[in-house]
PDB file of N, CA and C in Angstrom:
ATOM      1  N   UNK A   1       3.202  16.501   2.869  1.00  0.00           N
ATOM      2  CA  UNK A   1       3.046  17.190   1.675  1.00  0.00           C
ATOM      3  C   UNK A   1       1.773  17.483   1.178  1.00  0.00           C
ATOM      4  N   UNK A   2       1.124  16.465   2.499  1.00  0.00           N
ATOM      5  CA  UNK A   2      -0.809  17.484   1.955  1.00  0.00           C
ATOM      6  C   UNK A   2      -1.035  17.831   3.476  1.00  0.00           C
ATOM      7  N   UNK A   3      -0.580  18.402   4.314  1.00  0.00           N
ATOM      8  CA  UNK A   3      -0.267  19.116   5.726  1.00  0.00           C
ATOM      9  C   UNK A   3       0.308  20.359   4.593  1.00  0.00           C
ATOM     10  N   UNK A   4       2.061  20.343   4.212  1.00  0.00           N
ATOM     11  CA  UNK A   4       1.766  21.666   3.463  1.00  0.00           C
ATOM     12  C   UNK A   4       0.881  22.761   2.621  1.00  0.00           C
ATOM     13  N   UNK A   5       0.634  21.867   1.777  1.00  0.00           N
ATOM     14  CA  UNK A   5      -0.467  22.423   0.892  1.00  0.00           C
ATOM     15  C   UNK A   5      -1.848  23.140   1.532  1.00  0.00           C
ATOM     16  N   UNK A   6      -2.266  22.066   2.205  1.00  0.00           N
ATOM     17  CA  UNK A   6      -3.132  22.615   3.405  1.00  0.00           C
ATOM     18  C   UNK A   6      -2.875  24.104   4.524  1.00  0.00           C
ATOM     19  N   UNK A   7      -2.119  23.300   4.210  1.00  0.00           N
ATOM     20  CA  UNK A   7      -0.952  25.373   4.997  1.00  0.00           C
ATOM     21  C   UNK A   7      -1.206  26.027   4.634  1.00  0.00           C
ATOM     22  N   UNK A   8      -0.986  25.890   3.075  1.00  0.00           N
ATOM     23  CA  UNK A   8      -0.463  27.398   2.485  1.00  0.00           C
ATOM     24  C   UNK A   8      -1.629  27.602   1.686  1.00  0.00           C
ATOM     25  N   UNK A   9      -3.001  27.022   1.898  1.00  0.00           N
ATOM     26  CA  UNK A   9      -3.956  27.506   1.527  1.00  0.00           C
ATOM     27  C   UNK A   9      -4.997  27.685   2.618  1.00  0.00           C
ATOM     28  N   UNK A  10      -4.496  27.648   3.619  1.00  0.00           N
ATOM     29  CA  UNK A  10      -5.280  28.225   4.681  1.00  0.00           C
ATOM     30  C   UNK A  10      -6.810  27.484   5.185  1.00  0.00           C
ATOM     31  N   UNK A  11      -5.935  26.206   5.187  1.00  0.00           N
ATOM     32  CA  UNK A  11      -7.003  25.414   5.256  1.00  0.00           C
ATOM     33  C   UNK A  11      -6.505  25.143   6.926  1.00  0.00           C
ATOM     34  N   UNK A  12      -7.630  25.479   8.118  1.00  0.00           N
ATOM     35  CA  UNK A  12      -7.179  24.168   9.390  1.00  0.00           C
ATOM     36  C   UNK A  12      -7.234  22.993   9.469  1.00  0.00           C
ATOM     37  N   UNK A  13      -6.238  22.364   9.941  1.00  0.00           N
ATOM     38  CA  UNK A  13      -5.611  21.199   9.897  1.00  0.00           C
ATOM     39  C   UNK A  13      -5.458  20.580  11.425  1.00  0.00           C
ATOM     40  N   UNK A  14      -5.675  19.513  11.643  1.00  0.00           N
ATOM     41  CA  UNK A  14      -5.494  18.862  12.965  1.00  0.00           C
ATOM     42  C   UNK A  14      -3.871  17.187  12.371  1.00  0.00           C
ATOM     43  N   UNK A  15      -2.758  17.298  12.469  1.00  0.00           N
ATOM     44  CA  UNK A  15      -2.587  15.851  12.093  1.00  0.00           C
ATOM     45  C   UNK A  15      -1.899  15.338  13.474  1.00  0.00           C
ATOM     46  N   UNK A  16      -2.387  13.892  13.065  1.00  0.00           N
ATOM     47  CA  UNK A  16      -2.096  12.534  14.424  1.00  0.00           C
ATOM     48  C   UNK A  16      -1.324  11.896  13.767  1.00  0.00           C
ATOM     49  N   UNK A  17      -0.626  11.010  13.683  1.00  0.00           N
ATOM     50  CA  UNK A  17       0.363   9.723  14.058  1.00  0.00           C
ATOM     51  C   UNK A  17      -0.564   8.792  14.367  1.00  0.00           C
ATOM     52  N   UNK A  18      -0.019   8.052  13.050  1.00  0.00           N
ATOM     53  CA  UNK A  18      -0.998   6.427  13.486  1.00  0.00           C
ATOM     54  C   UNK A  18       0.059   5.715  13.147  1.00  0.00           C
ATOM     55  N   UNK A  19       0.300   4.620  14.406  1.00  0.00           N
ATOM     56  CA  UNK A  19       1.114   3.470  14.374  1.00  0.00           C
ATOM     57  C   UNK A  19       0.797   2.557  13.373  1.00  0.00           C
ATOM     58  N   UNK A  20       1.229   1.778  12.868  1.00  0.00           N
ATOM     59  CA  UNK A  20       1.151   0.306  12.761  1.00  0.00           C
ATOM     60  C   UNK A  20      -0.197  -0.442  12.953  1.00  0.00           C
ATOM     61  N   UNK A  21       0.155   0.217  14.665  1.00  0.00           N
ATOM     62  CA  UNK A  21      -1.169  -1.216  15.369  1.00  0.00           C
ATOM     63  C   UNK A  21      -1.789  -0.688  15.363  1.00  0.00           C
ATOM     64  N   UNK A  22      -2.149   0.654  14.955  1.00  0.00           N
ATOM     65  CA  UNK A  22      -3.608   1.573  15.057  1.00  0.00           C
ATOM     66  C   UNK A  22      -3.815   2.428  16.862  1.00  0.00           C
ATOM     67  N   UNK A  23      -2.435   2.500  17.136  1.00  0.00           N
ATOM     68  CA  UNK A  23      -2.298   3.196  17.532  1.00  0.00           C
ATOM     69  C   UNK A  23      -2.461   4.881  17.145  1.00  0.00           C
ATOM     70  N   UNK A  24      -2.819   5.829  17.689  1.00  0.00           N
ATOM     71  CA  UNK A  24      -2.681   7.609  17.446  1.00  0.00           C
ATOM     72  C   UNK A  24      -2.142   8.196  18.169  1.00  0.00           C
ATOM     73  N   UNK A  25      -1.654   9.266  18.081  1.00  0.00           N
ATOM     74  CA  UNK A  25      -1.001  10.341  19.192  1.00  0.00           C
ATOM     75  C   UNK A  25      -0.723  10.897  18.625  1.00  0.00           C
ATOM     76  N   UNK A  26      -1.312  12.579  19.321  1.00  0.00           N
ATOM     77  CA  UNK A  26      -1.624  13.525  19.032  1.00  0.00           C
ATOM     78  C   UNK A  26       0.073  14.644  19.375  1.00  0.00           C
ATOM     79  N   UNK A  27       1.016  13.791  19.463  1.00  0.00           N
ATOM     80  CA  UNK A  27       2.041  14.610  19.393  1.00  0.00           C
ATOM     81  C   UNK A  27       3.263  13.865  18.345  1.00  0.00           C
ATOM     82  N   UNK A  28       3.668  14.445  17.725  1.00  0.00           N
ATOM     83  CA  UNK A  28       4.672  14.419  16.349  1.00  0.00           C
ATOM     84  C   UNK A  28       6.478  13.888  17.334  1.00  0.00           C
ATOM     85  N   UNK A  29       6.943  13.433  16.189  1.00  0.00           N
ATOM     86  CA  UNK A  29       7.743  12.716  16.686  1.00  0.00           C
ATOM     87  C   UNK A  29       8.594  12.683  15.724  1.00  0.00           C
ATOM     88  N   UNK A  30       9.820  13.379  15.838  1.00  0.00           N
ATOM     89  CA  UNK A  30      11.469  13.413  14.911  1.00  0.00           C
ATOM     90  C   UNK A  30      11.572  12.574  14.593  1.00  0.00           C
ATOM     91  N   UNK A  31      11.501  11.361  15.040  1.00  0.00           N
ATOM     92  CA  UNK A  31      11.842  10.044  14.100  1.00  0.00           C
ATOM     93  C   UNK A  31      10.719   9.214  14.742  1.00  0.00           C
ATOM     94  N   UNK A  32       9.761   8.574  13.710  1.00  0.00           N
ATOM     95  CA  UNK A  32       8.328   8.213  13.787  1.00  0.00           C
ATOM     96  C   UNK A  32       9.304   6.405  13.247  1.00  0.00           C
ATOM     97  N   UNK A  33       8.212   5.401  13.844  1.00  0.00           N
ATOM     98  CA  UNK A  33       8.697   4.551  14.296  1.00  0.00           C
ATOM     99  C   UNK A  33       8.800   3.925  12.904  1.00  0.00           C
ATOM    100  N   UNK A  34       8.973   2.686  12.274  1.00  0.00           N
ATOM    101  CA  UNK A  34       8.742   1.924  10.835  1.00  0.00           C
ATOM    102  C   UNK A  34       7.489   1.433  11.174  1.00  0.00           C
ATOM    103  N   UNK A  35       5.975   1.684   9.957  1.00  0.00           N
ATOM    104  CA  UNK A  35       5.080   1.891   9.785  1.00  0.00           C
ATOM    105  C   UNK A  35       4.203   2.591  10.221  1.00  0.00           C
ATOM    106  N   UNK A  36       4.859   4.013  10.728  1.00  0.00           N
ATOM    107  CA  UNK A  36       3.792   5.017  10.931  1.00  0.00           C
ATOM    108  C   UNK A  36       3.850   6.291  10.045  1.00  0.00           C
ATOM    109  N   UNK A  37       1.936   6.573  10.000  1.00  0.00           N
ATOM    110  CA  UNK A  37       1.872   7.528   8.833  1.00  0.00           C
ATOM    111  C   UNK A  37       0.681   8.711   9.877  1.00  0.00           C
ATOM    112  N   UNK A  38       0.826  10.110   9.115  1.00  0.00           N
ATOM    113  CA  UNK A  38      -0.241  10.913   9.589  1.00  0.00           C
ATOM    114  C   UNK A  38      -1.836  10.797   9.512  1.00  0.00           C
ATOM    115  N   UNK A  39      -2.468  10.800  10.568  1.00  0.00           N
ATOM    116  CA  UNK A  39      -4.062  11.055   9.941  1.00  0.00           C
ATOM    117  C   UNK A  39      -4.340  13.261   9.916  1.00  0.00           C
ATOM    118  N   UNK A  40      -4.569  12.899   8.851  1.00  0.00           N
ATOM    119  CA  UNK A  40      -4.851  14.655   8.724  1.00  0.00           C
ATOM    120  C   UNK A  40      -6.649  15.028   9.032  1.00  0.00           C
ATOM    121  N   UNK A  41      -6.358  15.919  10.275  1.00  0.00           N
ATOM    122  CA  UNK A  41      -8.110  16.151  10.587  1.00  0.00           C
ATOM    123  C   UNK A  41      -8.421  17.537   9.949  1.00  0.00           C
ATOM    124  N   UNK A  42      -9.352  17.406   9.346  1.00  0.00           N
ATOM    125  CA  UNK A  42      -9.987  18.910   8.565  1.00  0.00           C
ATOM    126  C   UNK A  42     -11.448  18.643   9.139  1.00  0.00           C
ATOM    127  N   UNK A  43     -11.605  20.177   9.174  1.00  0.00           N
ATOM    128  CA  UNK A  43     -13.306  20.506  10.192  1.00  0.00           C
ATOM    129  C   UNK A  43     -14.647  20.214   9.116  1.00  0.00           C
ATOM    130  N   UNK A  44     -15.439  19.767   9.114  1.00  0.00           N
ATOM    131  CA  UNK A  44     -16.426  19.217   8.680  1.00  0.00           C
ATOM    132  C   UNK A  44     -16.965  20.567   6.908  1.00  0.00           C
ATOM    133  N   UNK A  45     -16.334  21.952   7.771  1.00  0.00           N
ATOM    134  CA  UNK A  45     -17.119  22.972   6.849  1.00  0.00           C
ATOM    135  C   UNK A  45     -15.934  23.678   5.497  1.00  0.00           C
ATOM    136  N   UNK A  46     -14.672  22.377   6.351  1.00  0.00           N
ATOM    137  CA  UNK A  46     -13.317  23.023   4.864  1.00  0.00           C
ATOM    138  C   UNK A  46     -12.967  21.500   4.334  1.00  0.00           C
ATOM    139  N   UNK A  47     -13.858  20.036   4.360  1.00  0.00           N
ATOM    140  CA  UNK A  47     -13.380  19.029   3.993  1.00  0.00           C
ATOM    141  C   UNK A  47     -14.130  19.122   2.281  1.00  0.00           C
ATOM    142  N   UNK A  48     -14.707  20.171   2.516  1.00  0.00           N
ATOM    143  CA  UNK A  48     -14.329  20.211   0.210  1.00  0.00           C
ATOM    144  C   UNK A  48     -13.442  20.550  -0.598  1.00  0.00           C
ATOM    145  N   UNK A  49     -13.709  21.558   0.058  1.00  0.00           N
ATOM    146  CA  UNK A  49     -12.070  23.067  -0.260  1.00  0.00           C
ATOM    147  C   UNK A  49     -10.754  21.702  -0.328  1.00  0.00           C
ATOM    148  N   UNK A  50     -10.228  20.672   1.081  1.00  0.00           N
ATOM    149  CA  UNK A  50      -9.576  20.404   1.174  1.00  0.00           C
ATOM    150  C   UNK A  50      -9.063  19.253   0.768  1.00  0.00           C
ATOM    151  N   UNK A  51      -9.975  18.585  -0.247  1.00  0.00           N
ATOM    152  CA  UNK A  51     -10.504  17.207  -0.312  1.00  0.00           C
ATOM    153  C   UNK A  51      -9.724  16.951  -1.948  1.00  0.00           C
ATOM    154  N   UNK A  52     -10.180  18.307  -2.529  1.00  0.00           N
ATOM    155  CA  UNK A  52     -10.192  19.016  -3.845  1.00  0.00           C
ATOM    156  C   UNK A  52      -8.949  19.811  -3.484  1.00  0.00           C
ATOM    157  N   UNK A  53      -8.047  19.473  -3.282  1.00  0.00           N
ATOM    158  CA  UNK A  53      -6.512  20.668  -2.399  1.00  0.00           C
ATOM    159  C   UNK A  53      -5.785  18.955  -2.134  1.00  0.00           C
ATOM    160  N   UNK A  54      -6.078  17.905  -2.045  1.00  0.00           N
ATOM    161  CA  UNK A  54      -5.047  16.910  -1.920  1.00  0.00           C
ATOM    162  C   UNK A  54      -5.682  15.588  -3.176  1.00  0.00           C
ATOM    163  N   UNK A  55      -6.683  15.903  -3.576  1.00  0.00           N
ATOM    164  CA  UNK A  55      -6.857  15.636  -5.289  1.00  0.00           C
ATOM    165  C   UNK A  55      -5.685  15.658  -5.944  1.00  0.00           C
ATOM    166  N   UNK A  56      -5.702  17.030  -6.415  1.00  0.00           N
ATOM    167  CA  UNK A  56      -4.959  17.380  -7.132  1.00  0.00           C
ATOM    168  C   UNK A  56      -3.441  17.547  -6.980  1.00  0.00           C
ATOM    169  N   UNK A  57      -3.712  17.186  -5.542  1.00  0.00           N
ATOM    170  CA  UNK A  57      -1.353  16.296  -5.244  1.00  0.00           C
ATOM    171  C   UNK A  57      -1.345  15.017  -5.735  1.00  0.00           C
ATOM    172  N   UNK A  58      -2.181  13.936  -5.260  1.00  0.00           N
ATOM    173  CA  UNK A  58      -1.965  12.538  -5.753  1.00  0.00           C
ATOM    174  C   UNK A  58      -2.801  12.414  -7.161  1.00  0.00           C
ATOM    175  N   UNK A  59      -3.531  12.842  -8.069  1.00  0.00           N
ATOM    176  CA  UNK A  59      -3.918  12.415  -9.055  1.00  0.00           C
ATOM    177  C   UNK A  59      -5.089  12.119  -8.126  1.00  0.00           C
ATOM    178  N   UNK A  60      -6.117  11.750 -10.182  1.00  0.00           N
ATOM    179  CA  UNK A  60      -7.095  11.451  -9.847  1.00  0.00           C
ATOM    180  C   UNK A  60      -7.204   8.967  -9.276  1.00  0.00           C
ATOM    181  N   UNK A  61      -8.445   9.053  -8.497  1.00  0.00           N
ATOM    182  CA  UNK A  61      -8.001   8.101  -7.673  1.00  0.00           C
ATOM    183  C   UNK A  61      -8.350   6.454  -8.918  1.00  0.00           C
ATOM    184  N   UNK A  62      -8.357   7.249 -10.221  1.00  0.00           N
ATOM    185  CA  UNK A  62      -8.243   5.248 -10.803  1.00  0.00           C
ATOM    186  C   UNK A  62      -6.624   5.120 -11.259  1.00  0.00           C
ATOM    187  N   UNK A  63      -6.432   6.402 -11.239  1.00  0.00           N
ATOM    188  CA  UNK A  63      -4.666   6.109 -11.130  1.00  0.00           C
ATOM    189  C   UNK A  63      -4.050   5.371 -10.087  1.00  0.00           C
ATOM    190  N   UNK A  64      -4.449   5.624  -8.581  1.00  0.00           N
ATOM    191  CA  UNK A  64      -3.891   4.913  -7.252  1.00  0.00           C
ATOM    192  C   UNK A  64      -4.647   4.240  -7.434  1.00  0.00           C
ATOM    193  N   UNK A  65      -5.539   3.824  -7.110  1.00  0.00           N
ATOM    194  CA  UNK A  65      -5.998   2.120  -7.076  1.00  0.00           C
ATOM    195  C   UNK A  65      -6.557   1.216  -7.915  1.00  0.00           C
ATOM    196  N   UNK A  66      -5.925  -0.333  -7.545  1.00  0.00           N
ATOM    197  CA  UNK A  66      -6.393  -1.414  -8.231  1.00  0.00           C
ATOM    198  C   UNK A  66      -5.465  -1.996  -8.124  1.00  0.00           C
ATOM    199  N   UNK A  67      -4.819  -3.231  -9.074  1.00  0.00           N
ATOM    200  CA  UNK A  67      -3.770  -4.255  -9.346  1.00  0.00           C
ATOM    201  C   UNK A  67      -3.356  -4.272 -10.481  1.00  0.00           C
ATOM    202  N   UNK A  68      -1.895  -4.206 -10.146  1.00  0.00           N
ATOM    203  CA  UNK A  68      -0.459  -4.039 -11.370  1.00  0.00           C
ATOM    204  C   UNK A  68      -1.151  -4.013 -12.773  1.00  0.00           C
ATOM    205  N   UNK A  69      -0.997  -4.064 -13.790  1.00  0.00           N
ATOM    206  CA  UNK A  69      -0.616  -3.558 -15.054  1.00  0.00           C
ATOM    207  C   UNK A  69       0.721  -4.698 -15.787  1.00  0.00           C
ATOM    208  N   UNK A  70       0.275  -5.915 -16.040  1.00  0.00           N
ATOM    209  CA  UNK A  70       1.821  -6.444 -16.541  1.00  0.00           C
ATOM    210  C   UNK A  70       1.545  -6.792 -18.131  1.00  0.00           C
ATOM    211  N   UNK A  71       1.750  -7.074 -18.528  1.00  0.00           N
ATOM    212  CA  UNK A  71       2.298  -6.612 -19.988  1.00  0.00           C
ATOM    213  C   UNK A  71       2.295  -8.755 -20.527  1.00  0.00           C
ATOM    214  N   UNK A  72       2.063  -8.737 -21.206  1.00  0.00           N
ATOM    215  CA  UNK A  72       1.956 -10.167 -21.489  1.00  0.00           C
ATOM    216  C   UNK A  72       2.957 -11.138 -21.995  1.00  0.00           C
ATOM    217  N   UNK A  73       4.417 -10.088 -21.578  1.00  0.00           N
ATOM    218  CA  UNK A  73       5.845 -11.540 -21.881  1.00  0.00           C
ATOM    219  C   UNK A  73       5.654 -11.551 -20.097  1.00  0.00           C
ATOM    220  N   UNK A  74       5.680 -10.492 -19.373  1.00  0.00           N
ATOM    221  CA  UNK A  74       5.672 -10.678 -18.768  1.00  0.00           C
ATOM    222  C   UNK A  74       4.708 -11.308 -17.586  1.00  0.00           C
ATOM    223  N   UNK A  75       3.451 -11.747 -17.942  1.00  0.00           N
ATOM    224  CA  UNK A  75       2.162 -13.317 -17.825  1.00  0.00           C
ATOM    225  C   UNK A  75       2.639 -14.174 -18.277  1.00  0.00           C
ATOM    226  N   UNK A  76       3.746 -14.817 -19.610  1.00  0.00           N
ATOM    227  CA  UNK A  76       3.683 -15.481 -19.598  1.00  0.00           C
ATOM    228  C   UNK A  76       4.968 -16.295 -18.906  1.00  0.00           C
ATOM    229  N   UNK A  77       6.022 -15.280 -18.771  1.00  0.00           N
ATOM    230  CA  UNK A  77       6.985 -15.145 -17.912  1.00  0.00           C
ATOM    231  C   UNK A  77       6.758 -15.910 -16.496  1.00  0.00           C
ATOM    232  N   UNK A  78       5.787 -15.265 -15.645  1.00  0.00           N
ATOM    233  CA  UNK A  78       5.425 -15.806 -14.558  1.00  0.00           C
ATOM    234  C   UNK A  78       4.492 -17.000 -14.604  1.00  0.00           C
ATOM    235  N   UNK A  79       3.819 -17.117 -15.526  1.00  0.00           N
ATOM    236  CA  UNK A  79       2.932 -19.013 -16.050  1.00  0.00           C
ATOM    237  C   UNK A  79       4.592 -19.500 -15.542  1.00  0.00           C
ATOM    238  N   UNK A  80       5.030 -19.497 -16.781  1.00  0.00           N
ATOM    239  CA  UNK A  80       6.386 -20.358 -16.952  1.00  0.00           C
ATOM    240  C   UNK A  80       6.836 -21.072 -15.577  1.00  0.00           C
ATOM    241  N   UNK A  81       7.262 -19.986 -14.870  1.00  0.00           N
ATOM    242  CA  UNK A  81       7.743 -20.290 -13.463  1.00  0.00           C
ATOM    243  C   UNK A  81       7.219 -20.772 -12.358  1.00  0.00           C
ATOM    244  N   UNK A  82       5.323 -20.510 -12.034  1.00  0.00           N
ATOM    245  CA  UNK A  82       4.992 -21.588 -11.832  1.00  0.00           C
ATOM    246  C   UNK A  82       4.953 -22.840 -12.273  1.00  0.00           C
ATOM    247  N   UNK A  83       4.664 -23.109 -13.090  1.00  0.00           N
ATOM    248  CA  UNK A  83       4.249 -24.448 -13.815  1.00  0.00           C
ATOM    249  C   UNK A  83       6.114 -24.949 -14.007  1.00  0.00           C
ATOM    250  N   UNK A  84       7.144 -24.639 -13.434  1.00  0.00           N
ATOM    251  CA  UNK A  84       7.856 -25.216 -13.628  1.00  0.00           C
ATOM    252  C   UNK A  84       7.765 -25.753 -12.089  1.00  0.00           C
ATOM    253  N   UNK A  85       7.769 -24.547 -10.682  1.00  0.00           N
ATOM    254  CA  UNK A  85       7.735 -24.621  -9.990  1.00  0.00           C
ATOM    255  C   UNK A  85       6.757 -26.074  -9.078  1.00  0.00           C
ATOM    256  N   UNK A  86       5.173 -26.133  -9.952  1.00  0.00           N
ATOM    257  CA  UNK A  86       4.481 -27.011  -9.639  1.00  0.00           C
ATOM    258  C   UNK A  86       5.754 -28.650  -9.749  1.00  0.00           C
ATOM    259  N   UNK A  87       5.811 -28.362 -11.402  1.00  0.00           N
ATOM    260  CA  UNK A  87       6.450 -29.996 -11.892  1.00  0.00           C
ATOM    261  C   UNK A  87       7.480 -30.173 -10.665  1.00  0.00           C
ATOM    262  N   UNK A  88       8.158 -29.326 -10.321  1.00  0.00           N
ATOM    263  CA  UNK A  88       9.371 -29.717  -9.355  1.00  0.00           C
ATOM    264  C   UNK A  88       8.931 -30.176  -8.082  1.00  0.00           C
ATOM    265  N   UNK A  89       7.847 -29.779  -7.131  1.00  0.00           N
ATOM    266  CA  UNK A  89       7.434 -30.162  -5.958  1.00  0.00           C
ATOM    267  C   UNK A  89       6.644 -31.453  -6.259  1.00  0.00           C
ATOM    268  N   UNK A  90       6.367 -31.392  -7.376  1.00  0.00           N
ATOM    269  CA  UNK A  90       5.261 -33.207  -7.623  1.00  0.00           C
ATOM    270  C   UNK A  90       6.551 -33.957  -8.126  1.00  0.00           C
ATOM    271  N   UNK A  91       8.148 -33.846  -8.538  1.00  0.00           N
ATOM    272  CA  UNK A  91       9.006 -34.891  -8.151  1.00  0.00           C
ATOM    273  C   UNK A  91       9.240 -34.945  -7.286  1.00  0.00           C
ATOM    274  N   UNK A  92       9.539 -34.031  -6.155  1.00  0.00           N
ATOM    275  CA  UNK A  92      10.603 -33.955  -5.192  1.00  0.00           C
ATOM    276  C   UNK A  92       9.525 -34.655  -4.426  1.00  0.00           C
ATOM    277  N   UNK A  93       7.855 -34.902  -4.110  1.00  0.00           N
ATOM    278  CA  UNK A  93       7.056 -35.720  -3.543  1.00  0.00           C
ATOM    279  C   UNK A  93       6.619 -37.144  -4.056  1.00  0.00           C
ATOM    280  N   UNK A  94       7.133 -37.104  -5.905  1.00  0.00           N
ATOM    281  CA  UNK A  94       7.343 -38.458  -5.715  1.00  0.00           C
ATOM    282  C   UNK A  94       8.606 -38.985  -5.402  1.00  0.00           C
ATOM    283  N   UNK A  95       9.526 -38.609  -4.833  1.00  0.00           N
ATOM    284  CA  UNK A  95      10.816 -39.212  -5.045  1.00  0.00           C
ATOM    285  C   UNK A  95      10.693 -39.416  -3.608  1.00  0.00           C
ATOM    286  N   UNK A  96       9.918 -38.462  -3.103  1.00  0.00           N
ATOM    287  CA  UNK A  96       9.623 -38.877  -1.448  1.00  0.00           C
ATOM    288  C   UNK A  96       9.317 -40.318  -1.074  1.00  0.00           C
ATOM    289  N   UNK A  97       8.072 -40.407  -1.485  1.00  0.00           N
ATOM    290  CA  UNK A  97       7.593 -41.375  -1.356  1.00  0.00           C
ATOM    291  C   UNK A  97       7.613 -42.786  -2.059  1.00  0.00           C
ATOM    292  N   UNK A  98       7.960 -42.653  -2.871  1.00  0.00           N
ATOM    293  CA  UNK A  98       8.943 -44.303  -3.631  1.00  0.00           C
ATOM    294  C   UNK A  98       9.478 -44.977  -3.078  1.00  0.00           C
ATOM    295  N   UNK A  99      10.257 -44.115  -1.968  1.00  0.00           N
ATOM    296  CA  UNK A  99      10.776 -45.135  -1.076  1.00  0.00           C
ATOM    297  C   UNK A  99       9.877 -46.549   0.349  1.00  0.00           C
ATOM    298  N   UNK A 100       8.653 -45.201  -0.044  1.00  0.00           N
ATOM    299  CA  UNK A 100       7.712 -46.526   1.369  1.00  0.00           C
ATOM    300  C   UNK A 100       7.040 -47.376   0.702  1.00  0.00           C
ATOM    301  N   UNK A 101       7.055 -47.731  -0.659  1.00  0.00           N
ATOM    302  CA  UNK A 101       5.918 -48.598  -2.138  1.00  0.00           C
ATOM    303  C   UNK A 101       7.251 -49.351  -2.306  1.00  0.00           C
ATOM    304  N   UNK A 102       7.084 -51.187  -2.205  1.00  0.00           N
ATOM    305  CA  UNK A 102       8.041 -51.292  -2.743  1.00  0.00           C
ATOM    306  C   UNK A 102       7.623 -51.908  -4.142  1.00  0.00           C
TER     307      UNK A 102
END
């Protein structure tokens, strides 16, 4: 996606495949392994133009970064679920240790 936009704009770039373990490969593979992504390297003189093009593809950074926003009802549901799990845990622990103490 980003490489196609840079190619259409005529900005030179070099694409490298990056594996999940940190290994980078200069060759492209037809079927990349799970966890593989691409690094797009741009010459220093074209960096400003390339960053404007890539920003236009994905939107402003504040929309992409950060924690997800949950509604109040979802927060109440999750808090209730967590409380129920904690109560069940303590009931199980008490039942397990009740046989050890006469």
